[in-house]
Amino acid sequence: MRRKRYSSMAEINITNLVDVMMVLLIVFMLTAPFLQAGVKLNLPKAEAKTIEERKGITVSVNREGDIFIGKRKVEWEEFAGVLRKELETNAPRVFLKADTKTHYGKVMRVLARIKMIGIEDVGLIAQQEKEE
């Protein structure tokens, strides 16, 4: 009786696995900024200290005056109710974003309604000015 000359290999070749994982990592790194964008706005520029990101509700007003809570468009009549509902599951903090072409009165109207609901922690979001 002859012995087998070939023995089984007990090692796993993970080179292909590492290659696939690297490609997936690159794809996620490239797409992550697009997922966080939300409503497309042209934010005003301001010299300000960057704040640490904390949890809260993002309210956006685009140039046409449409109001968004997160990515969901809401009508003015239902804005307060939807915001109160969001406050049940989120921290009592609102980040307000508005397009540079939005009328000042519309932004103030939204800000006043947020304050009337009782939210004191309101942050106005702007784009950081580049230092030259």
N, C-alpha and C. Protein backbone atom coordinates (compact mmCIF):
# COMPACT_ATOMS: atom_id res chain seq x y z
N MET A 1 0.82 -1.16 0.00
CA MET A 1 0.00 0.00 0.00
C MET A 1 0.88 1.25 0.00
N ARG A 2 0.54 2.18 -0.84
CA ARG A 2 1.32 3.41 -0.95
C ARG A 2 0.73 4.52 -0.11
N ARG A 3 1.60 5.39 0.40
CA ARG A 3 1.16 6.57 1.14
C ARG A 3 0.87 7.69 0.18
N LYS A 4 -0.06 8.53 0.57
CA LYS A 4 -0.36 9.71 -0.22
C LYS A 4 0.80 10.68 -0.12
N ARG A 5 1.13 11.28 -1.22
CA ARG A 5 2.19 12.27 -1.20
C ARG A 5 1.66 13.66 -0.85
N TYR A 6 0.40 13.86 -1.04
CA TYR A 6 -0.19 15.18 -0.78
C TYR A 6 -0.85 15.19 0.59
N SER A 7 -0.61 16.24 1.31
CA SER A 7 -1.27 16.39 2.60
C SER A 7 -2.25 17.57 2.51
N SER A 8 -3.24 17.55 3.33
CA SER A 8 -4.22 18.63 3.31
C SER A 8 -3.64 19.88 3.98
N MET A 9 -4.08 21.02 3.47
CA MET A 9 -3.62 22.29 4.02
C MET A 9 -4.62 22.75 5.08
N ALA A 10 -4.16 23.06 6.25
CA ALA A 10 -5.03 23.49 7.33
C ALA A 10 -5.09 25.01 7.45
N GLU A 11 -4.41 25.72 6.58
CA GLU A 11 -4.39 27.18 6.64
C GLU A 11 -5.48 27.78 5.76
N ILE A 12 -5.98 28.93 6.18
CA ILE A 12 -6.98 29.64 5.38
C ILE A 12 -6.28 30.83 4.76
N ASN A 13 -6.46 31.00 3.48
CA ASN A 13 -5.86 32.13 2.78
C ASN A 13 -6.81 33.32 2.92
N ILE A 14 -6.40 34.35 3.68
CA ILE A 14 -7.29 35.49 3.92
C ILE A 14 -6.95 36.70 3.05
N THR A 15 -6.08 36.52 2.11
CA THR A 15 -5.70 37.64 1.24
C THR A 15 -6.91 38.20 0.51
N ASN A 16 -7.73 37.34 -0.04
CA ASN A 16 -8.93 37.81 -0.75
C ASN A 16 -9.90 38.52 0.19
N LEU A 17 -10.03 38.02 1.39
CA LEU A 17 -10.90 38.63 2.37
C LEU A 17 -10.42 40.04 2.73
N VAL A 18 -9.13 40.20 2.90
CA VAL A 18 -8.56 41.50 3.23
C VAL A 18 -8.77 42.47 2.06
N ASP A 19 -8.60 42.01 0.85
CA ASP A 19 -8.82 42.86 -0.33
C ASP A 19 -10.26 43.37 -0.39
N VAL A 20 -11.21 42.49 -0.17
CA VAL A 20 -12.63 42.88 -0.20
C VAL A 20 -12.93 43.86 0.93
N MET A 21 -12.39 43.62 2.11
CA MET A 21 -12.63 44.51 3.24
C MET A 21 -12.04 45.90 2.99
N MET A 22 -10.89 45.97 2.36
CA MET A 22 -10.29 47.27 2.06
C MET A 22 -11.14 48.04 1.05
N VAL A 23 -11.66 47.36 0.06
CA VAL A 23 -12.53 48.02 -0.93
C VAL A 23 -13.80 48.53 -0.25
N LEU A 24 -14.40 47.72 0.61
CA LEU A 24 -15.60 48.15 1.33
C LEU A 24 -15.31 49.33 2.24
N LEU A 25 -14.17 49.33 2.90
CA LEU A 25 -13.80 50.44 3.77
C LEU A 25 -13.68 51.74 2.97
N ILE A 26 -13.06 51.67 1.82
CA ILE A 26 -12.91 52.85 0.97
C ILE A 26 -14.27 53.35 0.49
N VAL A 27 -15.14 52.44 0.09
CA VAL A 27 -16.48 52.82 -0.37
C VAL A 27 -17.25 53.51 0.74
N PHE A 28 -17.20 52.97 1.96
CA PHE A 28 -17.92 53.59 3.07
C PHE A 28 -17.33 54.95 3.44
N MET A 29 -16.01 55.07 3.36
CA MET A 29 -15.39 56.35 3.68
C MET A 29 -15.78 57.42 2.66
N LEU A 30 -15.95 57.04 1.42
CA LEU A 30 -16.32 58.00 0.39
C LEU A 30 -17.79 58.38 0.43
N THR A 31 -18.65 57.44 0.80
CA THR A 31 -20.09 57.72 0.78
C THR A 31 -20.62 58.31 2.09
N ALA A 32 -19.91 58.17 3.19
CA ALA A 32 -20.40 58.66 4.49
C ALA A 32 -20.71 60.16 4.49
N PRO A 33 -19.87 61.02 3.94
CA PRO A 33 -20.22 62.46 3.95
C PRO A 33 -21.50 62.78 3.20
N PHE A 34 -21.81 62.03 2.16
CA PHE A 34 -23.04 62.28 1.39
C PHE A 34 -24.27 61.87 2.17
N LEU A 35 -24.16 60.88 3.03
CA LEU A 35 -25.30 60.41 3.81
C LEU A 35 -25.67 61.39 4.92
N GLN A 36 -24.72 62.16 5.39
CA GLN A 36 -24.98 63.10 6.47
C GLN A 36 -25.48 64.45 5.97
N ALA A 37 -25.48 64.67 4.71
CA ALA A 37 -25.79 65.98 4.15
C ALA A 37 -27.20 66.45 4.49
N GLY A 38 -28.20 65.59 4.39
CA GLY A 38 -29.57 66.02 4.67
C GLY A 38 -30.11 66.92 3.58
N VAL A 39 -30.70 68.04 3.97
CA VAL A 39 -31.30 68.99 3.05
C VAL A 39 -30.18 69.83 2.43
N LYS A 40 -30.25 70.03 1.12
CA LYS A 40 -29.20 70.79 0.44
C LYS A 40 -29.42 72.28 0.68
N LEU A 41 -28.46 72.89 1.37
CA LEU A 41 -28.53 74.31 1.70
C LEU A 41 -27.19 74.96 1.39
N ASN A 42 -27.25 76.22 1.06
CA ASN A 42 -26.05 77.03 0.93
C ASN A 42 -25.94 77.84 2.22
N LEU A 43 -25.22 77.30 3.20
CA LEU A 43 -25.15 77.92 4.52
C LEU A 43 -24.33 79.20 4.49
N PRO A 44 -24.71 80.17 5.31
CA PRO A 44 -23.91 81.40 5.39
C PRO A 44 -22.57 81.10 6.06
N LYS A 45 -21.59 81.92 5.76
CA LYS A 45 -20.26 81.74 6.36
C LYS A 45 -20.12 82.68 7.54
N ALA A 46 -19.44 82.20 8.57
CA ALA A 46 -19.25 83.02 9.76
C ALA A 46 -17.97 82.58 10.47
N GLU A 47 -17.34 83.54 11.14
CA GLU A 47 -16.21 83.21 11.99
C GLU A 47 -16.78 82.74 13.31
N ALA A 48 -16.57 81.51 13.60
CA ALA A 48 -17.11 80.97 14.85
C ALA A 48 -16.26 79.80 15.30
N LYS A 49 -16.33 79.55 16.58
CA LYS A 49 -15.64 78.41 17.14
C LYS A 49 -16.45 77.17 16.80
N THR A 50 -15.78 76.13 16.32
CA THR A 50 -16.51 74.91 16.03
C THR A 50 -16.91 74.25 17.34
N ILE A 51 -18.14 73.76 17.36
CA ILE A 51 -18.64 73.11 18.57
C ILE A 51 -18.63 71.61 18.36
N GLU A 52 -18.57 70.92 19.46
CA GLU A 52 -18.61 69.47 19.37
C GLU A 52 -20.01 69.03 18.98
N GLU A 53 -20.06 67.98 18.18
CA GLU A 53 -21.37 67.49 17.75
C GLU A 53 -22.05 66.77 18.90
N ARG A 54 -23.28 67.14 19.12
CA ARG A 54 -24.09 66.48 20.14
C ARG A 54 -25.40 66.08 19.50
N LYS A 55 -26.13 65.27 20.20
CA LYS A 55 -27.41 64.82 19.66
C LYS A 55 -28.45 65.92 19.78
N GLY A 56 -29.31 65.97 18.80
CA GLY A 56 -30.38 66.95 18.80
C GLY A 56 -31.17 66.83 17.51
N ILE A 57 -32.08 67.74 17.32
CA ILE A 57 -32.95 67.75 16.14
C ILE A 57 -32.45 68.84 15.20
N THR A 58 -32.34 68.50 13.92
CA THR A 58 -31.92 69.49 12.93
C THR A 58 -33.15 70.02 12.21
N VAL A 59 -33.33 71.33 12.27
CA VAL A 59 -34.42 72.00 11.54
C VAL A 59 -33.76 72.83 10.45
N SER A 60 -34.22 72.65 9.21
CA SER A 60 -33.64 73.37 8.07
C SER A 60 -34.71 74.17 7.35
N VAL A 61 -34.31 75.34 6.82
CA VAL A 61 -35.19 76.17 6.02
C VAL A 61 -34.46 76.44 4.71
N ASN A 62 -35.05 75.98 3.58
CA ASN A 62 -34.36 76.20 2.30
C ASN A 62 -34.72 77.56 1.73
N ARG A 63 -34.18 77.89 0.57
CA ARG A 63 -34.36 79.24 0.01
C ARG A 63 -35.80 79.54 -0.35
N GLU A 64 -36.62 78.52 -0.59
CA GLU A 64 -38.04 78.75 -0.89
C GLU A 64 -38.86 78.92 0.38
N GLY A 65 -38.25 78.69 1.53
CA GLY A 65 -38.97 78.81 2.80
C GLY A 65 -39.57 77.51 3.28
N ASP A 66 -39.27 76.40 2.60
CA ASP A 66 -39.76 75.09 3.05
C ASP A 66 -39.02 74.69 4.32
N ILE A 67 -39.76 74.08 5.25
CA ILE A 67 -39.19 73.69 6.55
C ILE A 67 -39.01 72.18 6.58
N PHE A 68 -37.85 71.76 7.08
CA PHE A 68 -37.54 70.34 7.19
C PHE A 68 -37.13 70.05 8.63
N ILE A 69 -37.63 68.95 9.15
CA ILE A 69 -37.16 68.43 10.43
C ILE A 69 -36.42 67.15 10.08
N GLY A 70 -35.11 67.18 10.27
CA GLY A 70 -34.27 66.11 9.74
C GLY A 70 -34.29 66.23 8.23
N LYS A 71 -34.70 65.16 7.55
CA LYS A 71 -34.82 65.20 6.09
C LYS A 71 -36.28 65.27 5.65
N ARG A 72 -37.20 65.31 6.62
CA ARG A 72 -38.63 65.27 6.32
C ARG A 72 -39.20 66.68 6.21
N LYS A 73 -39.85 66.95 5.09
CA LYS A 73 -40.47 68.26 4.88
C LYS A 73 -41.78 68.31 5.66
N VAL A 74 -41.98 69.42 6.38
CA VAL A 74 -43.22 69.61 7.14
C VAL A 74 -43.82 70.96 6.78
N GLU A 75 -45.12 71.01 6.83
CA GLU A 75 -45.84 72.26 6.58
C GLU A 75 -45.81 73.11 7.85
N TRP A 76 -45.97 74.42 7.70
CA TRP A 76 -45.90 75.33 8.83
C TRP A 76 -46.95 74.99 9.89
N GLU A 77 -48.15 74.64 9.44
CA GLU A 77 -49.24 74.35 10.38
C GLU A 77 -48.94 73.16 11.27
N GLU A 78 -48.19 72.19 10.77
CA GLU A 78 -47.90 71.00 11.56
C GLU A 78 -46.48 71.00 12.15
N PHE A 79 -45.74 72.08 11.95
CA PHE A 79 -44.35 72.16 12.41
C PHE A 79 -44.24 71.96 13.92
N ALA A 80 -45.03 72.67 14.71
CA ALA A 80 -44.94 72.59 16.17
C ALA A 80 -45.27 71.18 16.66
N GLY A 81 -46.30 70.57 16.09
CA GLY A 81 -46.69 69.23 16.52
C GLY A 81 -45.63 68.18 16.20
N VAL A 82 -45.07 68.27 15.00
CA VAL A 82 -44.04 67.31 14.60
C VAL A 82 -42.78 67.51 15.45
N LEU A 83 -42.44 68.76 15.73
CA LEU A 83 -41.26 69.04 16.55
C LEU A 83 -41.45 68.52 17.98
N ARG A 84 -42.64 68.71 18.53
CA ARG A 84 -42.91 68.18 19.87
C ARG A 84 -42.80 66.65 19.89
N LYS A 85 -43.27 66.01 18.83
CA LYS A 85 -43.19 64.56 18.74
C LYS A 85 -41.73 64.10 18.66
N GLU A 86 -40.92 64.83 17.91
CA GLU A 86 -39.49 64.51 17.81
C GLU A 86 -38.78 64.68 19.15
N LEU A 87 -39.23 65.63 19.95
CA LEU A 87 -38.61 65.89 21.25
C LEU A 87 -38.82 64.74 22.23
N GLU A 88 -39.84 63.92 21.97
CA GLU A 88 -40.09 62.78 22.85
C GLU A 88 -38.97 61.75 22.78
N THR A 89 -38.31 61.65 21.62
CA THR A 89 -37.27 60.63 21.43
C THR A 89 -35.87 61.23 21.32
N ASN A 90 -35.74 62.54 21.28
CA ASN A 90 -34.44 63.19 21.12
C ASN A 90 -34.18 64.15 22.27
N ALA A 91 -32.93 64.58 22.34
CA ALA A 91 -32.54 65.56 23.35
C ALA A 91 -33.23 66.90 23.05
N PRO A 92 -33.54 67.70 24.09
CA PRO A 92 -34.21 68.99 23.86
C PRO A 92 -33.23 70.03 23.33
N ARG A 93 -32.69 69.77 22.16
CA ARG A 93 -31.69 70.64 21.53
C ARG A 93 -32.01 70.70 20.04
N VAL A 94 -31.99 71.89 19.48
CA VAL A 94 -32.30 72.07 18.06
C VAL A 94 -31.15 72.78 17.38
N PHE A 95 -30.77 72.27 16.22
CA PHE A 95 -29.78 72.91 15.37
C PHE A 95 -30.52 73.49 14.18
N LEU A 96 -30.50 74.81 14.02
CA LEU A 96 -31.24 75.48 12.96
C LEU A 96 -30.30 75.84 11.82
N LYS A 97 -30.65 75.38 10.62
CA LYS A 97 -29.89 75.68 9.41
C LYS A 97 -30.79 76.45 8.47
N ALA A 98 -30.25 77.45 7.80
CA ALA A 98 -31.03 78.19 6.81
C ALA A 98 -30.13 78.57 5.65
N ASP A 99 -30.68 78.51 4.46
CA ASP A 99 -29.96 78.89 3.25
C ASP A 99 -29.67 80.39 3.28
N THR A 100 -28.58 80.81 2.65
CA THR A 100 -28.24 82.23 2.64
C THR A 100 -29.28 83.07 1.91
N LYS A 101 -30.03 82.48 1.00
CA LYS A 101 -31.05 83.21 0.23
C LYS A 101 -32.43 83.20 0.89
N THR A 102 -32.55 82.57 2.06
CA THR A 102 -33.82 82.52 2.76
C THR A 102 -34.13 83.89 3.35
N HIS A 103 -35.39 84.30 3.28
CA HIS A 103 -35.79 85.57 3.87
C HIS A 103 -35.63 85.52 5.38
N TYR A 104 -35.11 86.59 5.92
CA TYR A 104 -34.84 86.69 7.36
C TYR A 104 -36.11 86.46 8.18
N GLY A 105 -37.23 86.95 7.69
CA GLY A 105 -38.49 86.80 8.41
C GLY A 105 -38.91 85.35 8.58
N LYS A 106 -38.65 84.52 7.56
CA LYS A 106 -39.02 83.10 7.66
C LYS A 106 -38.17 82.39 8.70
N VAL A 107 -36.89 82.73 8.74
CA VAL A 107 -36.00 82.11 9.73
C VAL A 107 -36.41 82.54 11.13
N MET A 108 -36.72 83.81 11.30
CA MET A 108 -37.13 84.31 12.61
C MET A 108 -38.46 83.68 13.05
N ARG A 109 -39.34 83.45 12.12
CA ARG A 109 -40.63 82.83 12.44
C ARG A 109 -40.41 81.41 12.98
N VAL A 110 -39.52 80.66 12.32
CA VAL A 110 -39.21 79.30 12.76
C VAL A 110 -38.52 79.34 14.12
N LEU A 111 -37.57 80.25 14.29
CA LEU A 111 -36.85 80.36 15.56
C LEU A 111 -37.80 80.73 16.70
N ALA A 112 -38.72 81.65 16.44
CA ALA A 112 -39.69 82.03 17.47
C ALA A 112 -40.58 80.86 17.86
N ARG A 113 -41.00 80.06 16.88
CA ARG A 113 -41.85 78.89 17.19
C ARG A 113 -41.07 77.87 18.01
N ILE A 114 -39.79 77.69 17.70
CA ILE A 114 -38.96 76.76 18.47
C ILE A 114 -38.86 77.24 19.92
N LYS A 115 -38.65 78.52 20.11
CA LYS A 115 -38.55 79.09 21.46
C LYS A 115 -39.88 78.99 22.21
N MET A 116 -41.01 79.20 21.49
CA MET A 116 -42.32 79.12 22.12
C MET A 116 -42.64 77.71 22.60
N ILE A 117 -42.10 76.72 21.92
CA ILE A 117 -42.30 75.33 22.34
C ILE A 117 -41.58 75.07 23.67
N GLY A 118 -40.56 75.90 23.94
CA GLY A 118 -39.85 75.76 25.21
C GLY A 118 -38.43 75.26 25.07
N ILE A 119 -37.92 75.22 23.88
CA ILE A 119 -36.55 74.77 23.66
C ILE A 119 -35.62 75.96 23.81
N GLU A 120 -34.73 75.88 24.78
CA GLU A 120 -33.79 76.97 25.02
C GLU A 120 -32.44 76.73 24.36
N ASP A 121 -32.12 75.46 24.12
CA ASP A 121 -30.82 75.11 23.54
C ASP A 121 -30.95 75.05 22.02
N VAL A 122 -30.76 76.20 21.37
CA VAL A 122 -30.87 76.30 19.91
C VAL A 122 -29.52 76.75 19.35
N GLY A 123 -29.01 76.00 18.41
CA GLY A 123 -27.75 76.35 17.75
C GLY A 123 -28.00 76.76 16.32
N LEU A 124 -27.42 77.87 15.90
CA LEU A 124 -27.53 78.31 14.51
C LEU A 124 -26.31 77.80 13.77
N ILE A 125 -26.52 77.03 12.73
CA ILE A 125 -25.44 76.37 12.01
C ILE A 125 -24.99 77.24 10.85
N ALA A 126 -23.70 77.44 10.74
CA ALA A 126 -23.11 78.21 9.63
C ALA A 126 -21.90 77.44 9.12
N GLN A 127 -21.44 77.83 7.95
CA GLN A 127 -20.25 77.24 7.37
C GLN A 127 -19.04 77.99 7.90
N GLN A 128 -18.00 77.28 8.27
CA GLN A 128 -16.80 77.90 8.82
C GLN A 128 -16.09 78.70 7.73
N GLU A 129 -15.77 79.96 8.04
CA GLU A 129 -14.98 80.77 7.10
C GLU A 129 -13.56 80.27 7.07
N LYS A 130 -12.99 80.28 5.89
CA LYS A 130 -11.62 79.82 5.77
C LYS A 130 -10.68 80.96 6.08
N GLU A 131 -9.70 80.68 6.92
CA GLU A 131 -8.72 81.70 7.26
C GLU A 131 -7.70 81.80 6.15
N GLU A 132 -7.35 83.02 5.78
CA GLU A 132 -6.39 83.20 4.70
C GLU A 132 -5.14 83.85 5.19
